Amino acid sequence: MIAAIYGAANGMITIVRGIAVPEMVSREAYGAVNGSLVAPMNVMQAAAPLAAAMIWQASSGYGAVLAAIFIGSLTLCGGFWFAAVRTTGNH
């Protein structure tokens, strides 16, 4: 079930990213802009299992890993909110 939800979300974000870049950023240099949006995500997806294992080993439990994921999620939500509020007045 989790794999199906992850796959569906990944498929949707792929479609949205393909549409959002030319509509919201620029049609010029589409590949470079899309690549710079995808590169950090790919690096984090590759590093996340190692980071989780290191946190787990350092804390001797999985609670610290869940706390780190929760704090990271709050940070990302806050950053998105800040960016949305900041760009709303620039139209």
N, C-alpha and C. Protein backbone atom coordinates (compact mmCIF):
# COMPACT_ATOMS: atom_id res chain seq x y z
N MET A 1 0.82 -1.19 0.00
CA MET A 1 0.00 0.00 0.00
C MET A 1 0.87 1.27 0.00
N ILE A 2 1.90 1.27 0.86
CA ILE A 2 2.79 2.43 0.92
C ILE A 2 3.51 2.63 -0.41
N ALA A 3 3.94 1.53 -1.02
CA ALA A 3 4.64 1.63 -2.30
C ALA A 3 3.72 2.20 -3.38
N ALA A 4 2.45 1.82 -3.36
CA ALA A 4 1.50 2.34 -4.34
C ALA A 4 1.27 3.84 -4.15
N ILE A 5 1.15 4.27 -2.91
CA ILE A 5 0.96 5.70 -2.64
C ILE A 5 2.21 6.49 -3.04
N TYR A 6 3.38 5.96 -2.71
CA TYR A 6 4.63 6.62 -3.09
C TYR A 6 4.75 6.71 -4.61
N GLY A 7 4.42 5.63 -5.30
CA GLY A 7 4.48 5.62 -6.76
C GLY A 7 3.51 6.62 -7.38
N ALA A 8 2.30 6.69 -6.82
CA ALA A 8 1.31 7.65 -7.34
C ALA A 8 1.78 9.08 -7.11
N ALA A 9 2.31 9.37 -5.92
CA ALA A 9 2.80 10.71 -5.62
C ALA A 9 3.98 11.08 -6.52
N ASN A 10 4.88 10.13 -6.73
CA ASN A 10 6.03 10.38 -7.60
C ASN A 10 5.58 10.64 -9.04
N GLY A 11 4.60 9.89 -9.50
CA GLY A 11 4.07 10.11 -10.84
C GLY A 11 3.42 11.47 -10.99
N MET A 12 2.67 11.88 -9.97
CA MET A 12 2.02 13.20 -10.03
C MET A 12 3.04 14.33 -10.00
N ILE A 13 4.06 14.21 -9.15
CA ILE A 13 5.05 15.28 -9.08
C ILE A 13 5.85 15.38 -10.38
N THR A 14 6.04 14.27 -11.05
CA THR A 14 6.73 14.29 -12.34
C THR A 14 5.93 15.08 -13.36
N ILE A 15 4.63 14.86 -13.39
CA ILE A 15 3.76 15.59 -14.33
C ILE A 15 3.70 17.07 -13.96
N VAL A 16 3.51 17.37 -12.68
CA VAL A 16 3.40 18.76 -12.24
C VAL A 16 4.70 19.52 -12.50
N ARG A 17 5.85 18.89 -12.22
CA ARG A 17 7.13 19.57 -12.46
C ARG A 17 7.32 19.87 -13.94
N GLY A 18 6.89 18.97 -14.79
CA GLY A 18 7.00 19.20 -16.23
C GLY A 18 6.14 20.35 -16.72
N ILE A 19 5.03 20.57 -16.05
CA ILE A 19 4.12 21.66 -16.44
C ILE A 19 4.47 22.95 -15.71
N ALA A 20 4.86 22.85 -14.44
CA ALA A 20 5.06 24.03 -13.61
C ALA A 20 6.27 24.86 -14.04
N VAL A 21 7.33 24.23 -14.48
CA VAL A 21 8.54 24.99 -14.83
C VAL A 21 8.26 25.99 -15.95
N PRO A 22 7.70 25.57 -17.08
CA PRO A 22 7.47 26.58 -18.12
C PRO A 22 6.37 27.58 -17.75
N GLU A 23 5.39 27.17 -16.95
CA GLU A 23 4.30 28.07 -16.60
C GLU A 23 4.67 29.06 -15.51
N MET A 24 5.43 28.61 -14.51
CA MET A 24 5.69 29.46 -13.36
C MET A 24 7.07 30.10 -13.36
N VAL A 25 8.04 29.49 -14.03
CA VAL A 25 9.39 30.02 -13.99
C VAL A 25 9.72 30.66 -15.34
N SER A 26 9.99 29.83 -16.34
CA SER A 26 10.35 30.35 -17.65
C SER A 26 10.38 29.22 -18.66
N ARG A 27 10.08 29.55 -19.88
CA ARG A 27 10.20 28.57 -20.95
C ARG A 27 11.64 28.51 -21.46
N GLU A 28 12.40 29.55 -21.21
CA GLU A 28 13.80 29.60 -21.60
C GLU A 28 14.61 28.69 -20.68
N ALA A 29 15.53 27.98 -21.25
CA ALA A 29 16.43 27.09 -20.50
C ALA A 29 15.65 26.10 -19.65
N TYR A 30 14.62 25.51 -20.23
CA TYR A 30 13.75 24.57 -19.50
C TYR A 30 14.55 23.43 -18.88
N GLY A 31 15.47 22.85 -19.63
CA GLY A 31 16.26 21.72 -19.12
C GLY A 31 17.14 22.11 -17.95
N ALA A 32 17.77 23.26 -18.02
CA ALA A 32 18.65 23.71 -16.93
C ALA A 32 17.85 24.01 -15.67
N VAL A 33 16.71 24.66 -15.83
CA VAL A 33 15.88 24.99 -14.66
C VAL A 33 15.32 23.72 -14.04
N ASN A 34 14.80 22.83 -14.86
CA ASN A 34 14.22 21.58 -14.36
C ASN A 34 15.31 20.73 -13.70
N GLY A 35 16.49 20.70 -14.28
CA GLY A 35 17.59 19.95 -13.69
C GLY A 35 18.02 20.50 -12.35
N SER A 36 18.05 21.84 -12.22
CA SER A 36 18.43 22.39 -10.93
C SER A 36 17.35 22.21 -9.88
N LEU A 37 16.13 21.97 -10.28
CA LEU A 37 15.08 21.64 -9.32
C LEU A 37 15.15 20.18 -8.89
N VAL A 38 15.54 19.30 -9.79
CA VAL A 38 15.54 17.87 -9.52
C VAL A 38 16.82 17.41 -8.81
N ALA A 39 17.95 18.06 -9.08
CA ALA A 39 19.23 17.61 -8.52
C ALA A 39 19.24 17.54 -7.00
N PRO A 40 18.79 18.58 -6.27
CA PRO A 40 18.80 18.47 -4.80
C PRO A 40 17.90 17.34 -4.29
N MET A 41 16.78 17.14 -4.94
CA MET A 41 15.86 16.08 -4.53
C MET A 41 16.52 14.71 -4.72
N ASN A 42 17.20 14.52 -5.83
CA ASN A 42 17.87 13.24 -6.07
C ASN A 42 19.01 12.99 -5.08
N VAL A 43 19.74 14.03 -4.74
CA VAL A 43 20.82 13.90 -3.76
C VAL A 43 20.24 13.51 -2.39
N MET A 44 19.16 14.15 -2.00
CA MET A 44 18.55 13.84 -0.71
C MET A 44 17.95 12.44 -0.68
N GLN A 45 17.35 12.02 -1.78
CA GLN A 45 16.81 10.66 -1.83
C GLN A 45 17.92 9.62 -1.73
N ALA A 46 19.08 9.93 -2.26
CA ALA A 46 20.19 9.00 -2.19
C ALA A 46 20.84 9.01 -0.80
N ALA A 47 20.89 10.15 -0.15
CA ALA A 47 21.55 10.28 1.14
C ALA A 47 20.66 9.91 2.32
N ALA A 48 19.35 9.93 2.15
CA ALA A 48 18.42 9.71 3.26
C ALA A 48 18.59 8.37 3.96
N PRO A 49 18.73 7.26 3.26
CA PRO A 49 18.91 5.99 4.00
C PRO A 49 20.18 5.97 4.86
N LEU A 50 21.27 6.52 4.34
CA LEU A 50 22.51 6.56 5.11
C LEU A 50 22.35 7.48 6.33
N ALA A 51 21.73 8.62 6.13
CA ALA A 51 21.51 9.55 7.25
C ALA A 51 20.62 8.92 8.32
N ALA A 52 19.56 8.24 7.89
CA ALA A 52 18.66 7.58 8.84
C ALA A 52 19.41 6.50 9.62
N ALA A 53 20.26 5.75 8.94
CA ALA A 53 21.03 4.70 9.62
C ALA A 53 22.01 5.31 10.62
N MET A 54 22.62 6.41 10.27
CA MET A 54 23.56 7.06 11.17
C MET A 54 22.85 7.61 12.41
N ILE A 55 21.68 8.22 12.22
CA ILE A 55 20.90 8.72 13.36
C ILE A 55 20.46 7.57 14.24
N TRP A 56 19.99 6.50 13.61
CA TRP A 56 19.54 5.33 14.35
C TRP A 56 20.68 4.74 15.18
N GLN A 57 21.85 4.62 14.59
CA GLN A 57 22.99 4.06 15.30
C GLN A 57 23.43 4.97 16.45
N ALA A 58 23.42 6.27 16.21
CA ALA A 58 23.87 7.22 17.24
C ALA A 58 22.91 7.28 18.42
N SER A 59 21.60 7.09 18.15
CA SER A 59 20.61 7.22 19.22
C SER A 59 20.15 5.87 19.76
N SER A 60 20.56 4.78 19.14
CA SER A 60 20.16 3.42 19.55
C SER A 60 18.65 3.22 19.51
N GLY A 61 17.98 3.92 18.61
CA GLY A 61 16.54 3.76 18.47
C GLY A 61 16.02 4.50 17.25
N TYR A 62 14.82 4.14 16.85
CA TYR A 62 14.24 4.73 15.66
C TYR A 62 13.46 6.01 15.95
N GLY A 63 13.22 6.30 17.23
CA GLY A 63 12.49 7.51 17.59
C GLY A 63 13.18 8.77 17.12
N ALA A 64 14.50 8.81 17.21
CA ALA A 64 15.25 9.98 16.76
C ALA A 64 15.15 10.16 15.25
N VAL A 65 15.08 9.05 14.51
CA VAL A 65 14.91 9.14 13.05
C VAL A 65 13.56 9.75 12.72
N LEU A 66 12.51 9.29 13.41
CA LEU A 66 11.18 9.85 13.19
C LEU A 66 11.12 11.32 13.57
N ALA A 67 11.80 11.69 14.64
CA ALA A 67 11.84 13.10 15.05
C ALA A 67 12.55 13.94 13.99
N ALA A 68 13.64 13.43 13.44
CA ALA A 68 14.37 14.16 12.39
C ALA A 68 13.51 14.31 11.13
N ILE A 69 12.78 13.27 10.77
CA ILE A 69 11.88 13.36 9.62
C ILE A 69 10.79 14.39 9.87
N PHE A 70 10.23 14.39 11.07
CA PHE A 70 9.18 15.34 11.42
C PHE A 70 9.70 16.77 11.38
N ILE A 71 10.87 17.00 11.96
CA ILE A 71 11.46 18.35 11.96
C ILE A 71 11.79 18.78 10.53
N GLY A 72 12.30 17.86 9.73
CA GLY A 72 12.57 18.19 8.33
C GLY A 72 11.30 18.54 7.57
N SER A 73 10.22 17.81 7.84
CA SER A 73 8.94 18.10 7.18
C SER A 73 8.42 19.47 7.57
N LEU A 74 8.51 19.80 8.87
CA LEU A 74 8.08 21.13 9.31
C LEU A 74 8.92 22.23 8.67
N THR A 75 10.22 21.99 8.55
CA THR A 75 11.11 22.97 7.93
C THR A 75 10.74 23.19 6.47
N LEU A 76 10.49 22.10 5.74
CA LEU A 76 10.11 22.22 4.34
C LEU A 76 8.77 22.92 4.18
N CYS A 77 7.80 22.60 5.03
CA CYS A 77 6.49 23.28 4.97
C CYS A 77 6.64 24.76 5.26
N GLY A 78 7.45 25.09 6.26
CA GLY A 78 7.69 26.50 6.57
C GLY A 78 8.37 27.24 5.44
N GLY A 79 9.34 26.60 4.81
CA GLY A 79 10.01 27.22 3.66
C GLY A 79 9.08 27.44 2.49
N PHE A 80 8.20 26.46 2.23
CA PHE A 80 7.23 26.60 1.15
C PHE A 80 6.27 27.73 1.47
N TRP A 81 5.79 27.78 2.71
CA TRP A 81 4.86 28.83 3.10
C TRP A 81 5.52 30.21 2.95
N PHE A 82 6.77 30.33 3.42
CA PHE A 82 7.49 31.59 3.32
C PHE A 82 7.64 32.03 1.86
N ALA A 83 8.01 31.08 0.99
CA ALA A 83 8.18 31.41 -0.42
C ALA A 83 6.85 31.80 -1.06
N ALA A 84 5.76 31.11 -0.69
CA ALA A 84 4.46 31.43 -1.25
C ALA A 84 3.99 32.82 -0.81
N VAL A 85 4.17 33.14 0.46
CA VAL A 85 3.77 34.45 0.96
C VAL A 85 4.61 35.56 0.34
N ARG A 86 5.88 35.28 0.21
CA ARG A 86 6.80 36.30 -0.33
C ARG A 86 6.53 36.60 -1.81
N THR A 87 6.15 35.59 -2.58
CA THR A 87 5.94 35.81 -4.02
C THR A 87 4.51 36.21 -4.35
N THR A 88 3.58 36.11 -3.43
CA THR A 88 2.19 36.46 -3.71
C THR A 88 2.05 37.93 -4.06
N GLY A 89 2.78 38.80 -3.41
CA GLY A 89 2.69 40.22 -3.67
C GLY A 89 3.44 40.68 -4.91
N ASN A 90 4.16 39.81 -5.60
CA ASN A 90 4.98 40.21 -6.74
C ASN A 90 4.30 40.04 -8.08
N HIS A 91 3.02 39.77 -8.10
CA HIS A 91 2.35 39.56 -9.40
C HIS A 91 2.09 40.84 -10.04
